[in-house]
Each structure stands twice: as structure tokens, then as C-alpha cells.
């Protein structure tokens, strides 16, 4: 199977060839408040979902998967409706 490879060729020759550090570079850099790294990206959820391992009969899993894309969400909703 062919795999896409990134261009890993090094075009940097010496210190005079280093890219210029622009304002855009520093806007994208990590931010620190004192010694603490301020994380970027999506904020943490109040109630994150929990990954579990669940053993099901193959025919049950096959029937859920046969319902198409989103079967895991539908399974979770069904479990939630029928929870004691």
C-alpha cells in the first residue's frame, strides 16, 4: 500500500539561512503565565464521556453496526433511555 510521505528534505544550511521570526510566529507560540503553560484548544468538558471495554455477542454488535453511521451514538442513547 503506498504511503504519503512528508517532504523531510532539510533545506536549512546555516544560521544565516534560518527563517525570520515574525509577529505571526510569536502569535502562534505557546503562552506561559509565569512557569505555567496556558493550554490552547478546546476547553475541557464538565462531563466528559468515559471509555470502557464491553464484551457483546457478535450478532448484537453486527446489528448495531448494520444501522449505519452513528451507531455508537444511537447505542449510547438507547442505553441511557433504559438505564435503571
C-alpha atoms as a PDB file:
ATOM      1  CA  UNK A   1       0.000   0.000   0.000  1.00  0.00           C
ATOM      2  CA  UNK A   2       1.556   3.335  -0.957  1.00  0.00           C
ATOM      3  CA  UNK A   3       2.022   5.758   1.898  1.00  0.00           C
ATOM      4  CA  UNK A   4       2.102   9.530   1.582  1.00  0.00           C
ATOM      5  CA  UNK A   5       5.415  10.797   2.895  1.00  0.00           C
ATOM      6  CA  UNK A   6       6.065  14.317   4.035  1.00  0.00           C
ATOM      7  CA  UNK A   7       8.874  16.228   2.455  1.00  0.00           C
ATOM      8  CA  UNK A   8      11.576  15.652   5.056  1.00  0.00           C
ATOM      9  CA  UNK A   9      14.379  17.094   2.985  1.00  0.00           C
ATOM     10  CA  UNK A  10      16.359  19.588   5.058  1.00  0.00           C
ATOM     11  CA  UNK A  11      16.821  22.854   3.179  1.00  0.00           C
ATOM     12  CA  UNK A  12      18.374  24.706   6.119  1.00  0.00           C
ATOM     13  CA  UNK A  13      22.075  25.252   5.522  1.00  0.00           C
ATOM     14  CA  UNK A  14      23.358  27.525   8.243  1.00  0.00           C
ATOM     15  CA  UNK A  15      22.433  30.146  10.851  1.00  0.00           C
ATOM     16  CA  UNK A  16      22.160  32.849   8.200  1.00  0.00           C
ATOM     17  CA  UNK A  17      19.580  30.711   6.379  1.00  0.00           C
ATOM     18  CA  UNK A  18      17.232  30.473   9.414  1.00  0.00           C
ATOM     19  CA  UNK A  19      13.680  31.772   8.825  1.00  0.00           C
ATOM     20  CA  UNK A  20      12.844  35.223  10.124  1.00  0.00           C
ATOM     21  CA  UNK A  21      10.855  35.238  13.371  1.00  0.00           C
ATOM     22  CA  UNK A  22       7.752  37.244  12.520  1.00  0.00           C
ATOM     23  CA  UNK A  23       4.899  38.557  14.649  1.00  0.00           C
ATOM     24  CA  UNK A  24       2.738  35.726  13.248  1.00  0.00           C
ATOM     25  CA  UNK A  25       5.255  33.159  14.547  1.00  0.00           C
ATOM     26  CA  UNK A  26       5.013  34.579  18.063  1.00  0.00           C
ATOM     27  CA  UNK A  27       1.180  34.770  17.932  1.00  0.00           C
ATOM     28  CA  UNK A  28       1.104  31.002  17.342  1.00  0.00           C
ATOM     29  CA  UNK A  29       3.709  30.197  20.016  1.00  0.00           C
ATOM     30  CA  UNK A  30       2.913  28.654  23.418  1.00  0.00           C
ATOM     31  CA  UNK A  31       1.856  31.114  26.085  1.00  0.00           C
ATOM     32  CA  UNK A  32       3.191  30.990  29.620  1.00  0.00           C
ATOM     33  CA  UNK A  33       1.943  32.721  32.752  1.00  0.00           C
ATOM     34  CA  UNK A  34       4.996  32.573  34.961  1.00  0.00           C
ATOM     35  CA  UNK A  35       6.182  28.949  34.704  1.00  0.00           C
ATOM     36  CA  UNK A  36       2.700  27.617  33.852  1.00  0.00           C
ATOM     37  CA  UNK A  37       1.823  26.751  30.249  1.00  0.00           C
ATOM     38  CA  UNK A  38      -1.528  28.164  29.202  1.00  0.00           C
ATOM     39  CA  UNK A  39      -3.159  25.464  27.117  1.00  0.00           C
ATOM     40  CA  UNK A  40      -4.809  26.244  23.805  1.00  0.00           C
ATOM     41  CA  UNK A  41      -7.590  24.456  22.002  1.00  0.00           C
ATOM     42  CA  UNK A  42     -10.911  23.063  23.069  1.00  0.00           C
ATOM     43  CA  UNK A  43     -11.802  23.632  26.731  1.00  0.00           C
ATOM     44  CA  UNK A  44     -12.300  20.606  28.941  1.00  0.00           C
ATOM     45  CA  UNK A  45     -15.865  19.303  29.209  1.00  0.00           C
ATOM     46  CA  UNK A  46     -17.771  19.428  32.500  1.00  0.00           C
ATOM     47  CA  UNK A  47     -18.972  15.833  31.998  1.00  0.00           C
ATOM     48  CA  UNK A  48     -16.617  14.055  29.578  1.00  0.00           C
ATOM     49  CA  UNK A  49     -17.584  10.617  28.304  1.00  0.00           C
ATOM     50  CA  UNK A  50     -15.741   7.640  29.782  1.00  0.00           C
ATOM     51  CA  UNK A  51     -14.150   4.950  27.622  1.00  0.00           C
ATOM     52  CA  UNK A  52     -14.954   1.412  28.746  1.00  0.00           C
ATOM     53  CA  UNK A  53     -14.412  -2.096  27.475  1.00  0.00           C
ATOM     54  CA  UNK A  54     -17.634  -4.013  26.904  1.00  0.00           C
ATOM     55  CA  UNK A  55     -17.988  -7.585  25.679  1.00  0.00           C
ATOM     56  CA  UNK A  56     -21.038  -8.111  23.457  1.00  0.00           C
ATOM     57  CA  UNK A  57     -22.237 -11.073  21.419  1.00  0.00           C
ATOM     58  CA  UNK A  58     -21.076 -10.649  17.796  1.00  0.00           C
ATOM     59  CA  UNK A  59     -24.631 -10.733  16.433  1.00  0.00           C
ATOM     60  CA  UNK A  60     -25.682  -7.841  18.709  1.00  0.00           C
ATOM     61  CA  UNK A  61     -22.741  -5.713  17.594  1.00  0.00           C
ATOM     62  CA  UNK A  62     -23.345  -6.619  13.933  1.00  0.00           C
ATOM     63  CA  UNK A  63     -26.994  -5.495  14.210  1.00  0.00           C
ATOM     64  CA  UNK A  64     -25.985  -2.139  15.686  1.00  0.00           C
ATOM     65  CA  UNK A  65     -23.302  -1.595  13.032  1.00  0.00           C
ATOM     66  CA  UNK A  66     -25.814  -2.510  10.312  1.00  0.00           C
ATOM     67  CA  UNK A  67     -27.864   0.561  11.283  1.00  0.00           C
ATOM     68  CA  UNK A  68     -25.190   2.734   9.651  1.00  0.00           C
ATOM     69  CA  UNK A  69     -23.040   5.675  10.612  1.00  0.00           C
ATOM     70  CA  UNK A  70     -23.675   6.950  14.127  1.00  0.00           C
ATOM     71  CA  UNK A  71     -24.465   3.530  15.576  1.00  0.00           C
ATOM     72  CA  UNK A  72     -22.372   4.212  18.687  1.00  0.00           C
ATOM     73  CA  UNK A  73     -24.312   7.397  19.457  1.00  0.00           C
ATOM     74  CA  UNK A  74     -27.621   5.589  18.970  1.00  0.00           C
ATOM     75  CA  UNK A  75     -26.438   2.729  21.193  1.00  0.00           C
ATOM     76  CA  UNK A  76     -25.458   5.187  23.942  1.00  0.00           C
ATOM     77  CA  UNK A  77     -28.843   6.924  23.680  1.00  0.00           C
ATOM     78  CA  UNK A  78     -30.649   3.569  23.926  1.00  0.00           C
ATOM     79  CA  UNK A  79     -28.617   2.579  26.997  1.00  0.00           C
ATOM     80  CA  UNK A  80     -29.347   5.956  28.564  1.00  0.00           C
ATOM     81  CA  UNK A  81     -33.126   5.566  27.993  1.00  0.00           C
ATOM     82  CA  UNK A  82     -33.152   2.079  29.512  1.00  0.00           C
ATOM     83  CA  UNK A  83     -30.789   2.693  32.431  1.00  0.00           C
ATOM     84  CA  UNK A  84     -32.194   1.748  35.829  1.00  0.00           C
END
